N, C-alpha and C. Protein backbone atom coordinates (compact mmCIF):
# COMPACT_ATOMS: atom_id res chain seq x y z
N MET A 1 43.55 12.95 -11.61
CA MET A 1 42.58 11.83 -11.38
C MET A 1 42.84 11.13 -10.08
N ALA A 2 44.07 11.02 -9.65
CA ALA A 2 44.38 10.29 -8.41
C ALA A 2 43.83 10.99 -7.19
N GLU A 3 43.80 12.34 -7.22
CA GLU A 3 43.38 13.09 -6.03
C GLU A 3 41.90 12.85 -5.71
N PRO A 4 40.95 12.88 -6.72
CA PRO A 4 39.58 12.62 -6.35
C PRO A 4 39.36 11.26 -5.75
N SER A 5 40.04 10.23 -6.28
CA SER A 5 39.80 8.90 -5.71
C SER A 5 40.40 8.83 -4.30
N ASN A 6 41.47 9.57 -3.97
CA ASN A 6 42.00 9.56 -2.62
C ASN A 6 41.00 10.24 -1.67
N SER A 7 40.37 11.34 -2.13
CA SER A 7 39.49 12.02 -1.21
C SER A 7 38.20 11.10 -0.98
N MET A 8 37.78 10.38 -1.97
CA MET A 8 36.67 9.52 -1.80
C MET A 8 37.03 8.38 -0.81
N ASN A 9 38.26 7.86 -0.92
CA ASN A 9 38.64 6.83 0.03
C ASN A 9 38.69 7.31 1.44
N SER A 10 39.16 8.53 1.62
CA SER A 10 39.24 9.03 3.00
C SER A 10 37.83 9.29 3.59
N SER A 11 36.89 9.65 2.74
CA SER A 11 35.54 9.88 3.27
C SER A 11 34.81 8.54 3.49
N ASP A 12 35.28 7.49 2.80
CA ASP A 12 34.68 6.16 3.00
C ASP A 12 35.13 5.50 4.31
N ASP A 13 36.19 6.05 4.96
CA ASP A 13 36.74 5.43 6.14
C ASP A 13 35.72 5.42 7.32
N ALA A 14 34.93 6.49 7.44
CA ALA A 14 34.03 6.61 8.56
C ALA A 14 32.93 5.48 8.53
N PRO A 15 32.26 5.20 7.40
CA PRO A 15 31.29 4.12 7.38
C PRO A 15 31.94 2.77 7.63
N ARG A 16 33.20 2.59 7.23
CA ARG A 16 33.83 1.31 7.40
C ARG A 16 34.14 1.01 8.89
N ALA A 17 34.09 2.04 9.72
CA ALA A 17 34.35 1.81 11.11
C ALA A 17 33.28 0.87 11.67
N GLY A 18 32.05 0.92 11.15
CA GLY A 18 30.97 0.06 11.63
C GLY A 18 30.84 -1.19 10.81
N ALA A 19 31.76 -1.48 9.91
CA ALA A 19 31.68 -2.65 9.06
C ALA A 19 31.48 -3.98 9.79
N PRO A 20 32.21 -4.26 10.87
CA PRO A 20 31.99 -5.55 11.56
C PRO A 20 30.50 -5.75 11.99
N GLN A 21 29.85 -4.61 12.40
CA GLN A 21 28.46 -4.75 12.81
C GLN A 21 27.61 -5.04 11.59
N ASP A 22 27.91 -4.31 10.44
CA ASP A 22 27.14 -4.50 9.23
C ASP A 22 27.27 -5.93 8.68
N ALA A 23 28.45 -6.54 8.87
CA ALA A 23 28.65 -7.89 8.33
C ALA A 23 27.79 -8.93 9.06
N ALA A 24 27.40 -8.64 10.30
CA ALA A 24 26.52 -9.58 11.06
C ALA A 24 25.08 -9.46 10.69
N ARG A 25 24.73 -8.37 10.01
CA ARG A 25 23.34 -8.16 9.64
C ARG A 25 23.06 -8.73 8.23
N THR A 26 21.81 -9.05 7.98
CA THR A 26 21.43 -9.53 6.65
C THR A 26 21.36 -8.28 5.72
N PRO A 27 21.36 -8.50 4.42
CA PRO A 27 21.32 -7.36 3.50
C PRO A 27 20.11 -6.47 3.70
N HIS A 28 18.99 -7.00 4.18
CA HIS A 28 17.80 -6.19 4.41
C HIS A 28 17.88 -5.36 5.66
N GLU A 29 18.80 -5.67 6.60
CA GLU A 29 18.86 -4.95 7.85
C GLU A 29 19.96 -3.91 7.85
N ARG A 30 20.79 -3.85 6.84
CA ARG A 30 21.87 -2.90 6.79
C ARG A 30 21.37 -1.51 6.57
N GLU A 31 21.98 -0.59 7.21
CA GLU A 31 21.64 0.83 7.03
C GLU A 31 22.91 1.58 6.68
N LEU A 32 22.75 2.49 5.77
CA LEU A 32 23.84 3.37 5.40
C LEU A 32 23.70 4.68 6.17
N PRO A 33 24.70 5.09 6.95
CA PRO A 33 24.57 6.32 7.69
C PRO A 33 24.63 7.51 6.78
N VAL A 34 23.88 8.54 7.12
CA VAL A 34 23.84 9.75 6.32
C VAL A 34 25.14 10.53 6.62
N SER A 35 25.58 10.54 7.85
CA SER A 35 26.83 11.23 8.19
C SER A 35 27.59 10.34 9.14
N ALA A 36 28.86 10.69 9.39
CA ALA A 36 29.71 9.92 10.26
C ALA A 36 29.17 9.91 11.72
N SER A 37 28.60 11.03 12.14
CA SER A 37 28.07 11.10 13.53
C SER A 37 26.83 10.19 13.67
N GLU A 38 26.08 9.96 12.60
CA GLU A 38 24.90 9.13 12.66
C GLU A 38 25.27 7.66 12.78
N ALA A 39 26.51 7.32 12.29
CA ALA A 39 26.98 5.96 12.39
C ALA A 39 27.23 5.59 13.88
N ASP A 40 27.52 6.61 14.69
CA ASP A 40 27.81 6.35 16.11
C ASP A 40 26.55 6.24 16.96
N ARG A 41 25.43 6.69 16.44
CA ARG A 41 24.16 6.65 17.21
C ARG A 41 23.64 5.23 17.22
N PRO A 42 22.96 4.83 18.31
CA PRO A 42 22.35 3.50 18.29
C PRO A 42 21.17 3.46 17.33
N SER A 43 20.97 2.34 16.70
CA SER A 43 19.88 2.18 15.75
C SER A 43 18.57 1.94 16.48
N HIS A 44 17.51 2.49 15.95
CA HIS A 44 16.21 2.31 16.57
C HIS A 44 15.40 1.18 15.88
N ARG A 45 16.02 0.59 14.84
CA ARG A 45 15.38 -0.49 14.17
C ARG A 45 15.59 -1.80 14.90
N ALA A 46 14.74 -2.78 14.62
CA ALA A 46 14.79 -4.09 15.25
C ALA A 46 16.13 -4.73 14.88
N VAL A 47 16.76 -5.34 15.83
CA VAL A 47 18.02 -6.07 15.62
C VAL A 47 17.70 -7.53 15.64
N PRO A 48 18.25 -8.32 14.73
CA PRO A 48 17.93 -9.75 14.72
C PRO A 48 18.37 -10.42 16.04
N ALA A 49 17.60 -11.38 16.47
CA ALA A 49 17.91 -12.09 17.69
C ALA A 49 19.17 -12.93 17.44
N PRO A 50 20.02 -13.03 18.50
CA PRO A 50 21.22 -13.88 18.33
C PRO A 50 20.83 -15.31 18.18
N SER A 51 21.71 -16.08 17.48
CA SER A 51 21.45 -17.51 17.29
C SER A 51 21.49 -18.17 18.65
N PRO A 52 20.82 -19.35 18.77
CA PRO A 52 20.70 -19.99 20.08
C PRO A 52 22.04 -20.28 20.73
N GLY A 53 23.13 -20.58 20.01
CA GLY A 53 24.37 -20.90 20.68
C GLY A 53 25.32 -19.73 20.86
N SER A 54 24.89 -18.55 20.52
CA SER A 54 25.82 -17.44 20.57
C SER A 54 25.59 -16.54 21.84
N ASN A 55 26.65 -15.87 22.22
CA ASN A 55 26.52 -14.92 23.36
C ASN A 55 26.30 -13.52 22.79
N SER A 56 25.75 -12.66 23.60
CA SER A 56 25.58 -11.29 23.11
C SER A 56 26.73 -10.47 23.66
N GLU A 57 27.97 -10.86 23.19
CA GLU A 57 29.17 -10.16 23.67
C GLU A 57 29.24 -8.73 23.25
N GLY A 58 28.69 -8.43 22.05
CA GLY A 58 28.79 -7.05 21.56
C GLY A 58 27.71 -6.13 22.17
N SER A 59 26.80 -6.67 23.00
CA SER A 59 25.75 -5.86 23.53
C SER A 59 26.21 -5.06 24.71
N SER A 60 26.06 -3.77 24.68
CA SER A 60 26.45 -2.95 25.81
C SER A 60 25.30 -2.65 26.76
N ASN A 61 24.06 -3.05 26.30
CA ASN A 61 22.88 -2.79 27.12
C ASN A 61 22.59 -3.87 28.13
N GLY A 62 23.23 -5.02 28.02
CA GLY A 62 22.95 -6.10 28.94
C GLY A 62 21.82 -6.96 28.46
N GLY A 63 21.74 -8.16 28.94
CA GLY A 63 20.76 -9.15 28.50
C GLY A 63 19.31 -8.77 28.86
N ALA A 64 19.10 -8.09 30.02
CA ALA A 64 17.74 -7.76 30.43
C ALA A 64 17.07 -6.80 29.47
N SER A 65 17.76 -5.81 29.05
CA SER A 65 17.15 -4.84 28.15
C SER A 65 16.93 -5.42 26.75
N ASP A 66 17.85 -6.35 26.34
CA ASP A 66 17.66 -7.01 25.07
C ASP A 66 16.39 -7.87 25.07
N ALA A 67 16.17 -8.54 26.21
CA ALA A 67 14.97 -9.39 26.33
C ALA A 67 13.73 -8.46 26.36
N ALA A 68 13.82 -7.34 27.00
CA ALA A 68 12.67 -6.43 27.08
C ALA A 68 12.38 -5.92 25.68
N MET A 69 13.42 -5.63 24.85
CA MET A 69 13.23 -5.14 23.52
C MET A 69 12.55 -6.23 22.68
N ALA A 70 12.98 -7.51 22.84
CA ALA A 70 12.35 -8.59 22.14
C ALA A 70 10.90 -8.76 22.51
N ASP A 71 10.58 -8.60 23.79
CA ASP A 71 9.18 -8.69 24.26
C ASP A 71 8.32 -7.56 23.63
N ASP A 72 8.90 -6.35 23.59
CA ASP A 72 8.17 -5.21 22.99
C ASP A 72 7.91 -5.46 21.53
N THR A 73 8.87 -6.07 20.80
CA THR A 73 8.69 -6.36 19.40
C THR A 73 7.62 -7.41 19.25
N ALA A 74 7.67 -8.45 20.13
CA ALA A 74 6.67 -9.53 20.02
C ALA A 74 5.29 -9.02 20.30
N ASP A 75 5.13 -8.10 21.24
CA ASP A 75 3.83 -7.52 21.56
C ASP A 75 3.26 -6.76 20.38
N ALA A 76 4.12 -6.16 19.58
CA ALA A 76 3.75 -5.30 18.50
C ALA A 76 3.39 -6.05 17.23
N LEU A 77 3.51 -7.36 17.22
CA LEU A 77 3.27 -8.15 16.01
C LEU A 77 1.81 -8.02 15.59
N THR A 78 1.61 -7.69 14.29
CA THR A 78 0.24 -7.48 13.82
C THR A 78 -0.04 -8.35 12.59
N GLU A 79 -1.32 -8.45 12.27
CA GLU A 79 -1.73 -9.20 11.07
C GLU A 79 -1.23 -8.50 9.83
N ASP A 80 -1.11 -7.19 9.86
CA ASP A 80 -0.60 -6.45 8.68
C ASP A 80 0.88 -6.85 8.38
N GLN A 81 1.67 -7.04 9.45
CA GLN A 81 3.06 -7.50 9.24
C GLN A 81 3.09 -8.88 8.62
N VAL A 82 2.19 -9.73 9.04
CA VAL A 82 2.11 -11.05 8.45
C VAL A 82 1.71 -10.98 6.99
N LYS A 83 0.73 -10.13 6.69
CA LYS A 83 0.30 -10.00 5.27
C LYS A 83 1.44 -9.46 4.43
N LEU A 84 2.16 -8.52 4.98
CA LEU A 84 3.32 -7.95 4.21
C LEU A 84 4.32 -9.04 3.88
N ALA A 85 4.60 -9.88 4.85
CA ALA A 85 5.56 -10.98 4.62
C ALA A 85 5.00 -11.96 3.59
N LEU A 86 3.74 -12.30 3.70
CA LEU A 86 3.10 -13.22 2.77
C LEU A 86 3.04 -12.66 1.32
N ARG A 87 3.04 -11.36 1.19
CA ARG A 87 3.03 -10.76 -0.15
C ARG A 87 4.34 -11.01 -0.87
N ARG A 88 5.38 -11.39 -0.13
CA ARG A 88 6.68 -11.70 -0.73
C ARG A 88 6.74 -13.09 -1.25
N VAL A 89 5.72 -13.94 -0.89
CA VAL A 89 5.69 -15.31 -1.33
C VAL A 89 4.94 -15.40 -2.66
N LYS A 90 5.60 -15.84 -3.69
CA LYS A 90 4.99 -15.85 -4.99
C LYS A 90 4.81 -17.25 -5.56
N ASP A 91 3.76 -17.43 -6.31
CA ASP A 91 3.53 -18.66 -7.03
C ASP A 91 4.56 -18.62 -8.20
N PRO A 92 5.47 -19.59 -8.24
CA PRO A 92 6.54 -19.50 -9.27
C PRO A 92 6.06 -19.62 -10.68
N GLU A 93 4.88 -20.24 -10.89
CA GLU A 93 4.36 -20.34 -12.27
C GLU A 93 3.72 -19.09 -12.75
N LEU A 94 2.99 -18.39 -11.85
CA LEU A 94 2.31 -17.14 -12.23
C LEU A 94 3.06 -15.89 -11.87
N ASN A 95 4.02 -15.99 -10.98
CA ASN A 95 4.81 -14.83 -10.50
C ASN A 95 3.93 -13.82 -9.83
N LEU A 96 2.87 -14.29 -9.11
CA LEU A 96 1.98 -13.42 -8.39
C LEU A 96 2.00 -13.89 -6.92
N ASN A 97 1.81 -12.94 -6.01
CA ASN A 97 1.87 -13.31 -4.57
C ASN A 97 0.63 -14.10 -4.15
N ILE A 98 0.81 -14.90 -3.09
CA ILE A 98 -0.27 -15.82 -2.69
C ILE A 98 -1.43 -15.08 -2.04
N LEU A 99 -1.30 -13.87 -1.55
CA LEU A 99 -2.45 -13.12 -1.06
C LEU A 99 -3.34 -12.64 -2.22
N ASP A 100 -2.72 -12.12 -3.25
CA ASP A 100 -3.50 -11.63 -4.39
C ASP A 100 -4.19 -12.80 -5.12
N LEU A 101 -3.54 -13.99 -5.06
CA LEU A 101 -4.15 -15.10 -5.72
C LEU A 101 -5.29 -15.71 -4.87
N GLY A 102 -5.45 -15.28 -3.65
CA GLY A 102 -6.49 -15.76 -2.81
C GLY A 102 -6.24 -17.12 -2.22
N LEU A 103 -4.95 -17.44 -2.06
CA LEU A 103 -4.55 -18.75 -1.51
C LEU A 103 -4.52 -18.70 0.02
N VAL A 104 -4.49 -17.54 0.65
CA VAL A 104 -4.47 -17.43 2.10
C VAL A 104 -5.94 -17.24 2.60
N TYR A 105 -6.40 -18.19 3.44
CA TYR A 105 -7.77 -18.12 3.92
C TYR A 105 -7.85 -17.46 5.29
N ALA A 106 -6.89 -17.66 6.15
CA ALA A 106 -6.97 -17.12 7.51
C ALA A 106 -5.54 -16.86 8.06
N ILE A 107 -5.46 -15.79 8.86
CA ILE A 107 -4.24 -15.40 9.53
C ILE A 107 -4.59 -15.19 10.99
N ARG A 108 -3.88 -15.87 11.88
CA ARG A 108 -4.07 -15.68 13.29
C ARG A 108 -2.73 -15.32 13.95
N VAL A 109 -2.74 -14.24 14.75
CA VAL A 109 -1.58 -13.80 15.48
C VAL A 109 -1.94 -13.79 16.94
N GLU A 110 -1.27 -14.60 17.74
CA GLU A 110 -1.49 -14.69 19.17
C GLU A 110 -0.19 -14.53 19.87
N GLY A 111 0.09 -13.34 20.45
CA GLY A 111 1.39 -13.04 21.04
C GLY A 111 2.45 -13.08 19.96
N ASN A 112 3.38 -13.98 20.04
CA ASN A 112 4.46 -14.07 19.02
C ASN A 112 4.26 -15.31 18.12
N THR A 113 3.11 -15.94 18.24
CA THR A 113 2.75 -17.13 17.44
C THR A 113 1.93 -16.73 16.24
N VAL A 114 2.32 -17.20 15.08
CA VAL A 114 1.59 -16.92 13.84
C VAL A 114 1.10 -18.23 13.25
N SER A 115 -0.19 -18.21 12.87
CA SER A 115 -0.79 -19.38 12.25
C SER A 115 -1.46 -18.94 10.94
N VAL A 116 -1.25 -19.61 9.84
CA VAL A 116 -1.83 -19.24 8.56
C VAL A 116 -2.50 -20.46 7.97
N ASP A 117 -3.73 -20.34 7.56
CA ASP A 117 -4.42 -21.37 6.81
C ASP A 117 -4.39 -20.95 5.34
N MET A 118 -3.88 -21.81 4.51
CA MET A 118 -3.81 -21.51 3.08
C MET A 118 -4.09 -22.77 2.24
N THR A 119 -4.31 -22.54 0.99
CA THR A 119 -4.54 -23.62 0.04
C THR A 119 -3.64 -23.48 -1.17
N LEU A 120 -3.79 -24.34 -2.07
CA LEU A 120 -3.09 -24.29 -3.34
C LEU A 120 -4.11 -24.24 -4.48
N THR A 121 -3.68 -23.95 -5.68
CA THR A 121 -4.63 -23.90 -6.79
C THR A 121 -5.23 -25.22 -7.14
N SER A 122 -4.50 -26.32 -6.83
CA SER A 122 -5.04 -27.66 -7.03
C SER A 122 -4.26 -28.60 -6.13
N PRO A 123 -4.87 -29.76 -5.78
CA PRO A 123 -4.18 -30.73 -4.92
C PRO A 123 -2.89 -31.28 -5.54
N GLY A 124 -2.83 -31.25 -6.84
CA GLY A 124 -1.63 -31.74 -7.55
C GLY A 124 -0.65 -30.65 -7.90
N CYS A 125 -0.74 -29.47 -7.31
CA CYS A 125 0.09 -28.31 -7.67
C CYS A 125 1.57 -28.72 -7.50
N PRO A 126 2.34 -28.66 -8.57
CA PRO A 126 3.74 -29.07 -8.44
C PRO A 126 4.61 -28.08 -7.65
N SER A 127 4.11 -26.87 -7.48
CA SER A 127 4.88 -25.86 -6.73
C SER A 127 4.44 -25.79 -5.27
N GLY A 128 3.52 -26.67 -4.86
CA GLY A 128 3.00 -26.62 -3.51
C GLY A 128 4.05 -26.63 -2.39
N PRO A 129 4.99 -27.61 -2.38
CA PRO A 129 5.95 -27.67 -1.37
C PRO A 129 6.81 -26.40 -1.29
N GLU A 130 7.16 -25.84 -2.49
CA GLU A 130 7.97 -24.64 -2.58
C GLU A 130 7.23 -23.46 -2.00
N ILE A 131 5.95 -23.30 -2.30
CA ILE A 131 5.14 -22.19 -1.83
C ILE A 131 5.01 -22.29 -0.30
N MET A 132 4.72 -23.47 0.20
CA MET A 132 4.51 -23.66 1.63
C MET A 132 5.83 -23.35 2.42
N THR A 133 6.95 -23.84 1.92
CA THR A 133 8.24 -23.59 2.55
C THR A 133 8.58 -22.14 2.53
N ASP A 134 8.33 -21.49 1.39
CA ASP A 134 8.61 -20.06 1.25
C ASP A 134 7.74 -19.25 2.22
N ALA A 135 6.45 -19.60 2.38
CA ALA A 135 5.57 -18.91 3.31
C ALA A 135 6.14 -19.02 4.75
N GLU A 136 6.51 -20.22 5.14
CA GLU A 136 7.03 -20.42 6.50
C GLU A 136 8.32 -19.62 6.70
N ARG A 137 9.20 -19.65 5.71
CA ARG A 137 10.50 -18.95 5.80
C ARG A 137 10.29 -17.43 5.96
N HIS A 138 9.36 -16.89 5.18
CA HIS A 138 9.11 -15.43 5.27
C HIS A 138 8.48 -15.06 6.58
N LEU A 139 7.59 -15.88 7.08
CA LEU A 139 6.91 -15.60 8.38
C LEU A 139 7.97 -15.68 9.52
N LYS A 140 8.86 -16.64 9.51
CA LYS A 140 9.90 -16.75 10.56
C LYS A 140 10.85 -15.58 10.51
N ALA A 141 10.96 -14.93 9.37
CA ALA A 141 11.90 -13.82 9.24
C ALA A 141 11.35 -12.53 9.80
N ILE A 142 10.09 -12.47 10.20
CA ILE A 142 9.51 -11.26 10.79
C ILE A 142 10.11 -11.11 12.19
N PRO A 143 10.62 -9.92 12.54
CA PRO A 143 11.16 -9.70 13.87
C PRO A 143 10.08 -9.92 14.94
N GLY A 144 10.44 -10.70 15.97
CA GLY A 144 9.54 -10.95 17.09
C GLY A 144 8.68 -12.17 16.93
N VAL A 145 8.72 -12.83 15.78
CA VAL A 145 7.90 -14.08 15.63
C VAL A 145 8.55 -15.24 16.32
N GLY A 146 7.74 -16.01 17.01
CA GLY A 146 8.22 -17.23 17.67
C GLY A 146 7.85 -18.43 16.85
N ASP A 147 6.75 -19.07 17.19
CA ASP A 147 6.27 -20.23 16.48
C ASP A 147 5.44 -19.87 15.25
N VAL A 148 5.63 -20.63 14.19
CA VAL A 148 4.93 -20.42 12.94
C VAL A 148 4.28 -21.74 12.52
N ALA A 149 3.01 -21.68 12.15
CA ALA A 149 2.30 -22.83 11.62
C ALA A 149 1.64 -22.41 10.32
N VAL A 150 1.99 -23.11 9.26
CA VAL A 150 1.36 -22.89 7.94
C VAL A 150 0.57 -24.18 7.67
N ASN A 151 -0.78 -24.01 7.73
CA ASN A 151 -1.67 -25.17 7.58
C ASN A 151 -2.25 -25.20 6.16
N LEU A 152 -2.14 -26.35 5.50
CA LEU A 152 -2.72 -26.54 4.15
C LEU A 152 -4.12 -27.03 4.33
N VAL A 153 -5.08 -26.27 3.78
CA VAL A 153 -6.48 -26.64 3.89
C VAL A 153 -7.06 -26.76 2.45
N TRP A 154 -8.10 -27.62 2.34
CA TRP A 154 -8.75 -27.78 1.02
C TRP A 154 -10.22 -27.38 1.06
N SER A 155 -10.67 -26.82 2.13
CA SER A 155 -12.07 -26.42 2.17
C SER A 155 -12.11 -24.95 2.59
N PRO A 156 -12.73 -24.10 1.85
CA PRO A 156 -13.31 -24.30 0.57
C PRO A 156 -12.24 -24.49 -0.51
N PHE A 157 -12.60 -25.22 -1.55
CA PHE A 157 -11.67 -25.43 -2.64
C PHE A 157 -11.38 -24.12 -3.38
N TRP A 158 -10.17 -23.91 -3.76
CA TRP A 158 -9.76 -22.67 -4.45
C TRP A 158 -10.42 -22.60 -5.83
N SER A 159 -10.78 -21.37 -6.24
CA SER A 159 -11.27 -21.15 -7.60
C SER A 159 -10.82 -19.77 -8.01
N PRO A 160 -10.75 -19.48 -9.27
CA PRO A 160 -10.28 -18.17 -9.77
C PRO A 160 -11.08 -16.98 -9.23
N GLU A 161 -12.30 -17.20 -8.69
CA GLU A 161 -13.06 -16.10 -8.13
C GLU A 161 -12.41 -15.56 -6.87
N ARG A 162 -11.51 -16.37 -6.27
CA ARG A 162 -10.85 -15.93 -5.02
C ARG A 162 -9.71 -14.98 -5.30
N ILE A 163 -9.31 -14.84 -6.56
CA ILE A 163 -8.23 -13.90 -6.95
C ILE A 163 -8.72 -12.47 -6.76
N GLU A 164 -7.85 -11.57 -6.25
CA GLU A 164 -8.19 -10.15 -6.10
C GLU A 164 -8.75 -9.61 -7.43
N PRO A 165 -9.78 -8.81 -7.44
CA PRO A 165 -10.36 -8.32 -8.67
C PRO A 165 -9.38 -7.61 -9.63
N ARG A 166 -8.46 -6.82 -9.05
CA ARG A 166 -7.50 -6.14 -9.94
C ARG A 166 -6.55 -7.11 -10.61
N VAL A 167 -6.17 -8.15 -9.88
CA VAL A 167 -5.29 -9.19 -10.51
C VAL A 167 -6.07 -10.01 -11.51
N ARG A 168 -7.31 -10.30 -11.18
CA ARG A 168 -8.17 -11.06 -12.10
C ARG A 168 -8.33 -10.30 -13.42
N ALA A 169 -8.50 -8.99 -13.35
CA ALA A 169 -8.60 -8.17 -14.57
C ALA A 169 -7.27 -8.24 -15.34
N TYR A 170 -6.15 -8.13 -14.58
CA TYR A 170 -4.83 -8.17 -15.24
C TYR A 170 -4.62 -9.54 -15.95
N LEU A 171 -5.12 -10.62 -15.36
CA LEU A 171 -4.95 -11.95 -15.94
C LEU A 171 -5.97 -12.17 -17.06
N GLY A 172 -7.00 -11.31 -17.15
CA GLY A 172 -7.97 -11.48 -18.20
C GLY A 172 -9.13 -12.38 -17.83
N PHE A 173 -9.39 -12.57 -16.53
CA PHE A 173 -10.53 -13.39 -16.08
C PHE A 173 -11.74 -12.52 -15.96
């Protein structure tokens, strides 16, 4: 029994070589290499921007190419990426996303600036602040996004007819 666990530990050493890099990434950005040689290749996925007070000491490409990569990511920002992020925002009472509920009225993407007009099911919605904060947080998490504006609008007033038909059927409306 001791031998198989030793062989597993020796094979786990290769992925651990990149552990310091993985620790700096969020759980959603971590990648597991298929082989040890793949761990040595540069990743083609978007890398999170460094925090404002940090240096890019670990970058071997230099600051200019990092800025160019950030500009390329910002240019590629689409309304579909914004919709995907907003689908992760759920009404805590219904456990349904705000797009399917018809709470999002407009999405504007201009460069790396995102603006969303949305409403709530009622002006007295107790989950309103949580939903609005969640929407802003998910939008800011999109790679390449700069400024985010989540605007609360009341016109037109929300009604159950704004719910996606398949969700309306699921809810029994």
